[in-house]
N, C-alpha and C. Protein backbone atom coordinates (compact mmCIF):
# COMPACT_ATOMS: atom_id res chain seq x y z
N PHE A 1 0.24 -1.49 -0.10
CA PHE A 1 0.28 -0.18 0.09
C PHE A 1 0.98 1.27 0.36
N LYS A 2 2.29 0.96 0.30
CA LYS A 2 3.00 2.05 0.06
C LYS A 2 4.61 1.93 -0.58
N ILE A 3 4.76 2.95 -1.20
CA ILE A 3 6.62 2.60 -1.91
C ILE A 3 7.38 3.55 -1.23
N VAL A 4 8.43 3.57 -0.48
CA VAL A 4 9.24 4.36 0.01
C VAL A 4 10.99 4.42 -0.59
N GLU A 5 11.29 5.26 -0.90
CA GLU A 5 13.10 5.30 -1.36
C GLU A 5 13.68 4.34 -0.31
N VAL A 6 14.65 3.65 0.22
CA VAL A 6 15.34 3.66 0.47
C VAL A 6 17.01 3.52 0.38
N GLY A 7 17.28 4.79 0.22
CA GLY A 7 18.85 5.23 -0.42
C GLY A 7 18.65 4.21 -1.41
N GLN A 8 19.21 3.41 -1.74
CA GLN A 8 19.42 2.49 -3.98
C GLN A 8 18.61 1.63 -3.70
N ARG A 9 17.47 1.42 -2.41
CA ARG A 9 16.97 0.31 -2.79
C ARG A 9 15.12 1.04 -2.26
N MET A 10 14.10 -0.24 -2.76
CA MET A 10 13.03 0.11 -2.83
C MET A 10 12.36 -0.53 -1.56
N MET A 11 11.56 0.25 -0.71
CA MET A 11 10.43 -0.79 0.53
C MET A 11 9.25 -0.64 0.12
N TYR A 12 8.51 -1.53 0.16
CA TYR A 12 7.33 -1.49 -0.47
C TYR A 12 6.60 -2.44 0.82
N LEU A 13 5.87 -1.77 1.82
CA LEU A 13 5.42 -1.88 2.70
C LEU A 13 3.69 -2.08 2.72
N THR A 14 3.43 -3.80 3.44
CA THR A 14 1.87 -4.11 3.48
C THR A 14 2.20 -4.00 4.69
N PRO A 15 0.78 -4.27 5.32
CA PRO A 15 0.17 -4.22 6.54
C PRO A 15 1.52 -5.40 7.79
N GLN A 16 1.67 -6.44 6.87
CA GLN A 16 2.07 -7.41 7.98
C GLN A 16 4.39 -7.44 7.63
N ARG A 17 4.33 -6.64 6.43
CA ARG A 17 5.87 -7.10 6.06
C ARG A 17 6.22 -5.87 5.76
N ALA A 18 7.13 -5.34 5.19
CA ALA A 18 7.82 -4.40 4.88
C ALA A 18 8.88 -5.41 4.12
N TYR A 19 8.81 -4.92 2.67
CA TYR A 19 9.53 -5.97 1.74
C TYR A 19 11.05 -4.64 0.92
N ILE A 20 12.34 -4.99 1.56
CA ILE A 20 13.32 -4.06 1.07
C ILE A 20 14.19 -4.79 -0.03
N SER A 21 13.95 -3.66 -1.36
CA SER A 21 14.72 -5.00 -2.19
C SER A 21 16.24 -4.74 -2.22
N ASP A 22 17.15 -4.94 -2.82
CA ASP A 22 18.83 -4.86 -3.10
C ASP A 22 19.21 -3.93 -3.48
N PRO A 23 19.77 -3.72 -2.97
CA PRO A 23 20.88 -1.63 -3.93
C PRO A 23 20.09 -2.54 -5.55
N GLN A 24 19.32 -0.81 -6.21
CA GLN A 24 19.37 -1.02 -7.20
C GLN A 24 18.51 -2.25 -8.34
N ASP A 25 18.77 -2.94 -7.53
CA ASP A 25 17.60 -4.28 -8.21
C ASP A 25 16.38 -4.00 -7.56
N TYR A 26 15.31 -3.56 -7.61
CA TYR A 26 14.50 -2.96 -6.97
C TYR A 26 13.09 -3.75 -7.04
N GLN A 27 13.35 -4.58 -8.44
CA GLN A 27 12.01 -5.27 -8.62
C GLN A 27 12.32 -7.41 -8.27
N VAL A 28 13.02 -7.33 -7.67
CA VAL A 28 13.45 -8.80 -7.19
C VAL A 28 13.13 -9.06 -5.77
N LEU A 29 11.87 -9.62 -5.56
CA LEU A 29 11.74 -9.62 -4.14
C LEU A 29 11.52 -11.21 -3.33
N THR A 30 12.30 -11.52 -2.44
CA THR A 30 12.03 -12.93 -1.81
C THR A 30 10.84 -12.31 -0.44
N GLU A 31 10.35 -13.65 -0.19
CA GLU A 31 9.94 -13.55 1.25
C GLU A 31 11.11 -13.44 2.04
N ILE A 32 12.12 -14.95 1.69
CA ILE A 32 12.45 -15.32 3.00
C ILE A 32 13.75 -13.64 2.70
N GLU A 33 14.41 -13.07 2.06
CA GLU A 33 15.20 -12.58 1.84
C GLU A 33 15.42 -11.38 2.19
N HIS A 34 13.86 -10.58 1.70
CA HIS A 34 13.75 -9.26 1.62
C HIS A 34 12.86 -8.73 2.89
N GLY A 35 11.65 -9.87 3.26
CA GLY A 35 10.78 -9.20 4.08
C GLY A 35 11.88 -8.92 5.90
N VAL A 36 10.34 -7.66 5.88
CA VAL A 36 10.65 -7.79 7.42
C VAL A 36 9.71 -7.73 8.64
N SER A 37 9.43 -8.22 9.19
CA SER A 37 8.53 -7.77 10.39
C SER A 37 8.54 -7.39 11.57
N LEU A 38 7.42 -6.72 11.95
CA LEU A 38 8.04 -6.40 13.18
C LEU A 38 7.87 -7.52 14.96
N PRO A 39 8.20 -7.19 15.58
CA PRO A 39 7.99 -8.26 16.95
C PRO A 39 6.20 -8.60 17.27
N GLY A 40 6.01 -9.73 16.87
CA GLY A 40 4.99 -10.00 17.53
C GLY A 40 3.82 -9.78 16.33
N GLN A 41 4.20 -9.38 14.79
CA GLN A 41 3.44 -9.47 13.79
C GLN A 41 2.52 -7.63 13.45
N ARG A 42 3.14 -6.88 14.59
CA ARG A 42 2.52 -5.63 14.83
C ARG A 42 2.12 -5.74 13.32
N LEU A 43 1.40 -4.46 13.14
CA LEU A 43 0.64 -3.07 12.04
C LEU A 43 1.62 -2.29 11.96
N ILE A 44 2.29 -2.49 10.32
CA ILE A 44 2.92 -1.71 9.61
C ILE A 44 1.99 -0.43 8.95
N VAL A 45 2.36 0.55 9.61
CA VAL A 45 1.03 1.71 8.59
C VAL A 45 2.01 2.26 7.70
N SER A 46 3.43 2.68 7.66
CA SER A 46 3.87 4.03 7.01
C SER A 46 5.13 3.54 7.07
N GLY A 47 6.03 3.71 6.41
CA GLY A 47 7.81 3.87 7.15
C GLY A 47 8.83 4.43 6.60
N PHE A 48 9.17 5.35 6.83
CA PHE A 48 10.45 5.96 5.76
C PHE A 48 12.51 5.91 6.24
N THR A 49 12.81 5.86 5.52
CA THR A 49 14.26 6.36 6.83
C THR A 49 15.02 7.34 6.46
N ILE A 50 15.95 7.50 7.59
CA ILE A 50 17.25 8.95 7.78
C ILE A 50 18.10 7.42 8.18
N ARG A 51 19.34 8.48 7.20
CA ARG A 51 20.70 8.28 7.08
C ARG A 51 20.08 6.40 6.92
N ASP A 52 20.76 5.43 7.28
CA ASP A 52 20.88 4.05 7.47
C ASP A 52 20.13 3.18 7.59
N ASN A 53 19.04 3.54 8.48
CA ASN A 53 18.29 3.68 9.37
C ASN A 53 16.76 3.42 8.98
N VAL A 54 16.15 2.69 8.97
CA VAL A 54 14.91 2.25 8.35
C VAL A 54 13.60 2.33 9.55
N TYR A 55 12.71 3.33 10.13
CA TYR A 55 11.71 3.42 10.03
C TYR A 55 10.22 2.34 9.85
N LEU A 56 9.88 1.86 11.21
CA LEU A 56 8.71 1.51 10.71
C LEU A 56 7.17 1.77 11.54
N LEU A 57 6.55 2.57 11.20
CA LEU A 57 5.25 2.98 11.85
C LEU A 57 4.13 1.85 12.30
N GLY A 58 3.74 2.15 13.09
CA GLY A 58 2.00 1.53 13.68
C GLY A 58 1.47 2.66 14.47
N PRO A 59 -0.52 2.04 14.51
CA PRO A 59 -0.66 3.33 15.30
C PRO A 59 0.05 3.65 16.19
N SER A 60 0.71 3.22 17.16
CA SER A 60 1.29 3.23 18.63
C SER A 60 2.63 2.91 18.77
N TRP A 61 3.36 2.91 17.60
CA TRP A 61 4.64 2.61 18.05
C TRP A 61 5.53 2.72 16.52
N THR A 62 6.92 2.90 17.09
CA THR A 62 7.88 3.18 15.62
C THR A 62 9.10 2.49 16.27
N TYR A 63 9.53 1.42 15.06
CA TYR A 63 10.72 0.78 15.12
C TYR A 63 11.44 1.39 14.09
N SER A 64 12.58 0.88 15.31
CA SER A 64 13.91 1.23 13.76
C SER A 64 14.45 -0.13 13.05
N VAL A 65 14.95 -0.19 12.30
CA VAL A 65 15.63 -1.26 12.28
C VAL A 65 16.94 -0.86 10.71
N SER A 66 18.17 -1.08 10.80
CA SER A 66 19.79 -0.90 10.29
C SER A 66 20.05 -1.48 9.10
N ASP A 67 20.18 -0.30 8.17
CA ASP A 67 20.49 -1.14 6.94
C ASP A 67 21.83 -1.41 6.67
N ASN A 68 22.64 -2.66 6.80
CA ASN A 68 24.15 -3.16 6.75
C ASN A 68 24.66 -3.82 5.51
N ASN A 69 24.41 -2.69 4.26
CA ASN A 69 24.55 -3.25 3.22
C ASN A 69 24.02 -5.04 2.83
N GLU A 70 24.04 -5.67 3.51
CA GLU A 70 23.19 -7.07 3.26
C GLU A 70 22.37 -7.20 2.69
N ARG A 71 21.72 -8.26 2.43
CA ARG A 71 19.95 -8.50 2.03
C ARG A 71 19.80 -8.29 3.24
N PRO A 72 17.74 -7.37 3.65
CA PRO A 72 17.67 -7.20 4.56
C PRO A 72 17.26 -8.64 5.76
N ARG A 73 17.58 -9.68 5.19
CA ARG A 73 17.26 -11.30 5.84
C ARG A 73 18.56 -11.01 7.15
N PHE A 74 19.88 -10.34 6.47
CA PHE A 74 20.83 -10.60 7.65
C PHE A 74 20.89 -9.32 8.10
N TRP A 75 20.14 -8.33 8.64
CA TRP A 75 19.74 -7.67 9.09
C TRP A 75 19.83 -7.65 10.34
N GLY A 76 19.71 -6.71 11.44
CA GLY A 76 19.29 -7.25 12.82
C GLY A 76 17.60 -7.08 12.50
N GLN A 77 17.53 -7.06 14.34
CA GLN A 77 16.12 -7.47 14.67
C GLN A 77 15.34 -5.55 14.64
N PRO A 78 13.90 -5.61 14.10
CA PRO A 78 13.55 -4.02 14.46
C PRO A 78 13.70 -4.04 15.64
N GLU A 79 14.57 -2.80 16.39
CA GLU A 79 13.94 -1.89 17.79
C GLU A 79 13.15 -1.26 17.55
N LEU A 80 12.05 -1.40 18.96
CA LEU A 80 12.05 -0.42 19.11
C LEU A 80 11.70 1.12 20.08
N VAL A 81 11.44 1.89 19.00
CA VAL A 81 12.10 3.67 19.68
C VAL A 81 10.81 4.26 20.61
N SER A 82 10.00 3.43 20.05
CA SER A 82 8.12 4.33 20.98
C SER A 82 7.77 3.01 20.64
N GLY A 83 6.96 2.86 22.18
CA GLY A 83 5.59 2.14 22.42
C GLY A 83 4.59 3.01 22.29
N ALA A 84 4.83 4.50 22.41
CA ALA A 84 3.33 5.50 22.17
C ALA A 84 3.81 6.05 20.72
N ILE A 85 4.64 6.33 20.24
CA ILE A 85 4.46 7.13 19.06
C ILE A 85 4.44 6.33 18.25
N GLY A 86 3.06 6.92 16.92
CA GLY A 86 3.20 6.29 15.73
C GLY A 86 2.67 7.15 14.82
N THR A 87 1.81 6.29 14.33
CA THR A 87 0.74 6.90 13.15
C THR A 87 -0.18 6.25 12.86
N THR A 88 -1.94 6.52 12.12
CA THR A 88 -2.68 5.41 11.80
C THR A 88 -2.93 5.98 10.32
N GLY A 89 -2.28 6.53 9.95
CA GLY A 89 -2.65 6.90 8.32
C GLY A 89 -0.90 6.90 7.68
N ASN A 90 -1.29 6.38 6.64
CA ASN A 90 0.04 5.95 5.68
C ASN A 90 1.10 7.00 4.71
N ASN A 91 0.09 8.48 5.26
CA ASN A 91 1.37 9.43 4.49
C ASN A 91 0.88 10.78 5.66
N CYS A 92 0.52 10.08 6.70
CA CYS A 92 1.16 11.06 8.35
C CYS A 92 2.67 11.14 8.57
N VAL A 93 3.10 11.29 7.86
CA VAL A 93 4.28 11.18 7.79
C VAL A 93 5.41 11.74 6.70
N CYS A 94 6.06 12.80 7.20
CA CYS A 94 6.80 13.57 5.96
C CYS A 94 8.49 13.70 6.69
N TRP A 95 9.09 12.62 5.13
CA TRP A 95 10.42 12.29 5.42
C TRP A 95 10.94 12.70 4.72
N ARG A 96 10.17 13.71 3.27
CA ARG A 96 10.91 14.30 2.21
C ARG A 96 11.37 15.74 2.79
N THR A 97 12.55 15.88 3.39
CA THR A 97 13.13 16.79 4.00
C THR A 97 14.25 17.76 4.18
N GLY A 98 14.39 18.72 4.50
CA GLY A 98 15.82 19.13 3.82
C GLY A 98 17.26 18.91 5.05
N GLY A 99 16.83 18.10 6.05
CA GLY A 99 17.35 17.22 6.24
C GLY A 99 17.42 15.82 7.17
N ASP A 100 18.17 15.72 8.20
CA ASP A 100 17.97 14.17 8.39
C ASP A 100 16.97 13.93 9.79
N TYR A 101 15.68 14.15 9.17
CA TYR A 101 15.11 14.66 10.15
C TYR A 101 13.45 14.18 9.33
N ALA A 102 12.22 14.13 10.26
CA ALA A 102 11.10 13.54 10.06
C ALA A 102 10.28 14.65 10.79
N TRP A 103 8.52 14.18 9.92
CA TRP A 103 7.36 14.85 11.03
C TRP A 103 6.79 13.93 10.78
N VAL A 104 6.25 13.43 12.26
CA VAL A 104 5.23 12.43 11.88
C VAL A 104 3.92 12.92 12.79
N ALA A 105 2.76 12.53 12.22
CA ALA A 105 1.20 12.88 12.52
C ALA A 105 0.85 11.01 13.51
N ASN A 106 0.41 12.33 14.65
CA ASN A 106 -0.08 11.33 15.52
C ASN A 106 -0.99 11.96 16.17
N TYR A 107 -2.22 11.12 16.71
CA TYR A 107 -3.67 11.90 17.04
C TYR A 107 -3.23 12.27 18.12
N SER A 108 -2.01 12.65 18.97
CA SER A 108 -1.49 13.36 20.04
C SER A 108 -0.70 14.46 19.70
N GLY A 109 -0.54 14.57 18.26
CA GLY A 109 0.10 15.95 17.87
C GLY A 109 0.80 15.58 16.80
N LEU A 110 1.97 16.40 16.53
CA LEU A 110 2.64 16.71 15.26
C LEU A 110 4.32 16.22 16.28
N TYR A 111 5.09 15.71 15.91
CA TYR A 111 6.07 15.18 16.35
C TYR A 111 7.45 15.18 15.35
N PHE A 112 8.31 15.96 15.97
CA PHE A 112 9.69 16.19 15.41
C PHE A 112 10.60 15.08 14.97
N PHE A 113 10.70 14.17 14.69
CA PHE A 113 11.51 12.85 14.55
C PHE A 113 12.65 12.82 14.01
N ASN A 114 14.36 13.03 14.62
CA ASN A 114 15.73 12.80 13.98
C ASN A 114 16.07 11.46 14.85
N GLY A 115 15.36 10.79 14.95
CA GLY A 115 16.07 9.38 15.71
C GLY A 115 15.16 8.82 16.99
N GLN A 116 14.97 10.30 17.54
CA GLN A 116 13.77 10.10 18.68
C GLN A 116 12.40 11.13 18.32
N TYR A 117 12.00 10.81 19.59
CA TYR A 117 11.00 11.66 19.50
C TYR A 117 11.50 13.25 20.67
N GLU A 118 10.60 14.25 20.29
CA GLU A 118 10.56 15.10 21.31
C GLU A 118 9.70 14.37 22.68
N ASP A 119 9.97 15.41 24.06
CA ASP A 119 9.22 15.20 25.06
C ASP A 119 7.25 15.26 24.75
N LYS A 120 7.40 16.67 24.00
CA LYS A 120 6.23 17.20 23.35
C LYS A 120 6.07 17.52 22.10
N PRO A 121 4.91 17.02 21.71
CA PRO A 121 4.93 17.58 19.99
C PRO A 121 5.05 18.98 19.93
N SER A 122 5.47 19.37 18.50
CA SER A 122 5.44 20.90 18.59
C SER A 122 4.22 21.23 18.22
N SER A 123 3.07 20.25 17.87
CA SER A 123 1.54 20.98 17.98
C SER A 123 1.08 21.18 19.41
N TYR A 124 2.38 21.21 20.38
CA TYR A 124 1.12 21.58 21.90
C TYR A 124 0.66 22.24 22.16
N MET A 125 1.16 23.49 21.80
CA MET A 125 0.66 24.64 21.86
C MET A 125 -0.50 25.34 21.23
N VAL A 126 -1.24 24.31 19.92
CA VAL A 126 -2.26 23.93 19.76
C VAL A 126 -3.43 23.07 19.98
N ASP A 127 -3.16 22.62 20.74
CA ASP A 127 -3.58 21.06 21.54
C ASP A 127 -5.27 21.43 20.71
N ILE A 128 -6.25 22.03 20.58
CA ILE A 128 -7.31 22.65 20.38
C ILE A 128 -7.83 22.23 19.03
N GLU A 129 -7.02 22.40 18.10
CA GLU A 129 -6.91 22.45 16.98
C GLU A 129 -6.72 21.33 16.78
N TRP A 130 -5.97 20.65 17.13
CA TRP A 130 -4.86 19.60 16.03
C TRP A 130 -6.00 18.29 16.95
N ARG A 131 -6.88 18.28 17.96
CA ARG A 131 -7.53 17.79 17.93
C ARG A 131 -9.12 17.68 17.69
N ARG A 132 -9.03 18.43 16.39
CA ARG A 132 -10.58 18.54 15.44
C ARG A 132 -9.74 17.32 14.98
N ILE A 133 -8.79 16.78 14.24
CA ILE A 133 -8.51 16.46 13.06
C ILE A 133 -9.30 14.78 13.29
N ASN A 134 -9.97 14.60 12.37
CA ASN A 134 -11.16 13.75 12.11
C ASN A 134 -10.30 12.78 11.91
N TRP A 135 -9.61 11.82 13.38
CA TRP A 135 -8.28 10.44 12.61
C TRP A 135 -8.90 9.49 12.24
N ALA A 136 -10.26 9.14 12.12
CA ALA A 136 -11.10 7.44 11.31
C ALA A 136 -10.78 8.48 9.92
N ALA A 137 -10.31 9.72 9.44
CA ALA A 137 -10.10 9.54 7.92
C ALA A 137 -8.36 9.92 7.98
N ALA A 138 -7.89 9.65 8.45
CA ALA A 138 -6.23 9.79 8.90
C ALA A 138 -5.71 9.48 7.38
N TYR A 139 -6.45 8.59 5.94
CA TYR A 139 -5.71 8.28 5.21
C TYR A 139 -5.95 9.38 4.18
N ALA A 140 -6.67 10.71 4.54
CA ALA A 140 -6.91 11.66 3.71
C ALA A 140 -5.64 12.94 4.20
N ILE A 141 -4.96 12.38 5.18
CA ILE A 141 -3.84 13.62 5.49
C ILE A 141 -2.98 13.59 4.59
N GLN A 142 -2.21 14.95 3.82
CA GLN A 142 -1.17 15.10 3.11
C GLN A 142 -0.09 15.98 4.37
N MET A 143 0.79 15.78 4.05
CA MET A 143 2.12 16.46 4.61
C MET A 143 3.09 16.93 3.55
N ALA A 144 3.89 18.23 3.56
CA ALA A 144 5.23 18.42 2.74
C ALA A 144 5.42 19.30 3.75
N ASP A 145 7.15 19.24 3.42
CA ASP A 145 8.29 19.91 4.65
C ASP A 145 8.25 21.03 3.08
N ASP A 146 8.01 22.21 3.45
CA ASP A 146 8.72 24.11 2.75
C ASP A 146 9.73 24.03 3.10
N TYR A 147 11.55 23.81 3.13
CA TYR A 147 12.08 23.88 3.59
C TYR A 147 12.92 24.75 3.15
N VAL A 148 12.42 25.56 2.33
CA VAL A 148 12.90 26.36 1.37
C VAL A 148 12.31 27.63 2.52
N ASN A 149 11.68 27.64 2.94
CA ASN A 149 10.78 28.58 4.04
C ASN A 149 10.65 28.46 5.40
N GLN A 150 10.90 26.75 5.41
CA GLN A 150 10.57 26.57 6.96
C GLN A 150 9.85 26.34 7.37
N ARG A 151 8.74 25.54 6.52
CA ARG A 151 7.83 25.42 7.49
C ARG A 151 6.46 23.95 6.52
N LEU A 152 5.96 23.04 7.69
CA LEU A 152 5.45 22.12 7.69
C LEU A 152 3.72 22.51 7.30
N LEU A 153 3.70 22.17 6.09
CA LEU A 153 2.21 21.82 5.46
C LEU A 153 1.58 20.98 5.79
N VAL A 154 0.41 20.76 6.46
CA VAL A 154 -0.24 19.66 7.27
C VAL A 154 -2.10 20.06 6.19
N ALA A 155 -2.46 19.47 5.57
CA ALA A 155 -3.41 18.95 4.88
C ALA A 155 -4.97 18.15 5.61
N VAL A 156 -5.87 18.76 6.43
CA VAL A 156 -6.45 17.75 7.31
C VAL A 156 -7.85 18.49 7.46
N PRO A 157 -8.57 16.35 7.76
CA PRO A 157 -10.05 16.54 7.52
C PRO A 157 -9.95 17.29 9.33
N LEU A 158 -10.67 18.11 8.94
CA LEU A 158 -11.59 18.80 10.37
C LEU A 158 -13.11 18.51 10.76
N ASP A 159 -13.09 18.05 12.11
CA ASP A 159 -14.31 17.83 13.02
C ASP A 159 -14.87 16.38 12.21
N GLY A 160 -15.60 16.50 11.50
CA GLY A 160 -16.26 14.94 10.66
C GLY A 160 -16.03 14.96 9.14
N ALA A 161 -15.38 15.75 8.88
CA ALA A 161 -14.65 15.55 7.39
C ALA A 161 -14.20 14.77 6.78
N THR A 162 -14.34 14.40 5.78
CA THR A 162 -13.64 12.60 5.51
C THR A 162 -11.92 13.15 4.14
N GLU A 163 -12.32 14.94 3.66
CA GLU A 163 -10.89 14.73 2.53
C GLU A 163 -10.32 16.02 3.54
N PRO A 164 -9.60 16.38 3.05
CA PRO A 164 -9.23 17.73 4.23
C PRO A 164 -9.80 18.77 3.63
N THR A 165 -10.07 19.86 4.64
CA THR A 165 -10.74 20.77 5.00
C THR A 165 -10.03 22.00 4.64
N HIS A 166 -8.88 21.77 5.83
CA HIS A 166 -8.09 22.95 6.25
C HIS A 166 -6.64 22.34 5.69
N LEU A 167 -5.95 24.54 5.59
CA LEU A 167 -4.12 23.67 5.65
C LEU A 167 -3.53 24.00 7.09
N PHE A 168 -3.07 23.41 7.75
CA PHE A 168 -2.67 23.89 9.42
C PHE A 168 -0.95 23.86 8.56
N VAL A 169 -0.38 25.04 9.37
CA VAL A 169 0.82 25.40 8.43
C VAL A 169 1.82 25.77 10.33
N PHE A 170 3.17 25.00 9.89
CA PHE A 170 4.19 24.69 11.52
C PHE A 170 5.29 26.13 10.66
N ASP A 171 5.27 26.86 11.08
CA ASP A 171 6.74 27.21 10.66
C ASP A 171 7.91 27.62 11.81
N TYR A 172 8.52 26.86 11.70
CA TYR A 172 10.08 26.20 11.88
C TYR A 172 11.06 26.97 11.83
N ALA A 173 11.07 28.24 11.22
CA ALA A 173 12.43 29.19 11.30
C ALA A 173 12.76 29.38 12.39
N ARG A 174 12.21 29.59 13.94
CA ARG A 174 13.38 30.31 15.28
C ARG A 174 13.50 28.46 15.87
N GLY A 175 12.83 27.34 15.29
CA GLY A 175 13.01 25.92 15.41
C GLY A 175 11.78 24.98 15.57
N TYR A 176 12.30 23.64 15.76
CA TYR A 176 11.19 22.80 15.90
C TYR A 176 10.43 22.00 17.17
N LYS A 177 10.96 22.79 18.10
CA LYS A 177 10.20 22.35 19.51
C LYS A 177 9.15 22.94 20.06
N TRP A 178 8.06 23.00 20.32
CA TRP A 178 6.50 22.94 20.68
C TRP A 178 6.80 24.82 20.94
N GLY A 179 7.67 25.17 21.87
CA GLY A 179 7.62 26.72 22.26
C GLY A 179 8.10 27.82 20.50
N GLU A 180 9.09 27.13 20.27
CA GLU A 180 9.62 27.46 18.95
C GLU A 180 8.22 27.54 17.59
N VAL A 181 8.11 26.69 17.12
CA VAL A 181 7.18 26.59 16.61
C VAL A 181 5.51 27.23 16.19
N ASP A 182 5.54 28.32 15.18
CA ASP A 182 4.82 28.96 15.41
C ASP A 182 3.54 28.79 14.28
N PHE A 183 2.47 28.96 14.57
CA PHE A 183 1.35 27.88 13.32
C PHE A 183 0.25 29.05 13.00
N SER A 184 -0.22 28.46 11.79
CA SER A 184 -1.52 29.13 11.76
C SER A 184 -2.49 27.91 10.93
N ILE A 185 -3.76 28.41 10.51
CA ILE A 185 -4.70 27.47 9.80
C ILE A 185 -5.02 28.44 8.62
N ASP A 186 -5.51 27.91 7.35
CA ASP A 186 -5.83 28.36 6.31
C ASP A 186 -6.82 26.98 5.91
N THR A 187 -7.57 27.84 4.86
CA THR A 187 -8.96 26.95 4.56
C THR A 187 -8.80 26.23 3.15
């Protein structure tokens, strides 16, 4: 349901497994050599890469597995990064950014991620607006990092909407943490 570029590899996500290709050989995949599962067969909703780490997210968890330049079968077991933060929508992660970081939209807030999550979400000061997002329609959320202007754009369905109705703009020119980010809502 989602395809992600992982350096010179491609990652194909299914709810039970991530299939990660050999470098520059994107279409040859086998269950044994290329499949990665989360412990306990946990659900995979989205994924991304930062440096040589592949991150796999579910509704309330984030796992990491490292690319050691071998086939994924020989990578280590996925390690838990967070047992509380993940995502419920496969587009609720923005990893195409201007640096080694990603943004993760979770029902509890918008999180800046650089290998670990901050204690409080970047959306902490606008929690009332954030809680208006219809998380039953998380599939409709779209995110884009305007790294030139240092703004994250998040198209969200508010209240009972099932398609994006508003654009949340997080200006991070002063920083990524909750007390540094400026916020506005556009229709």
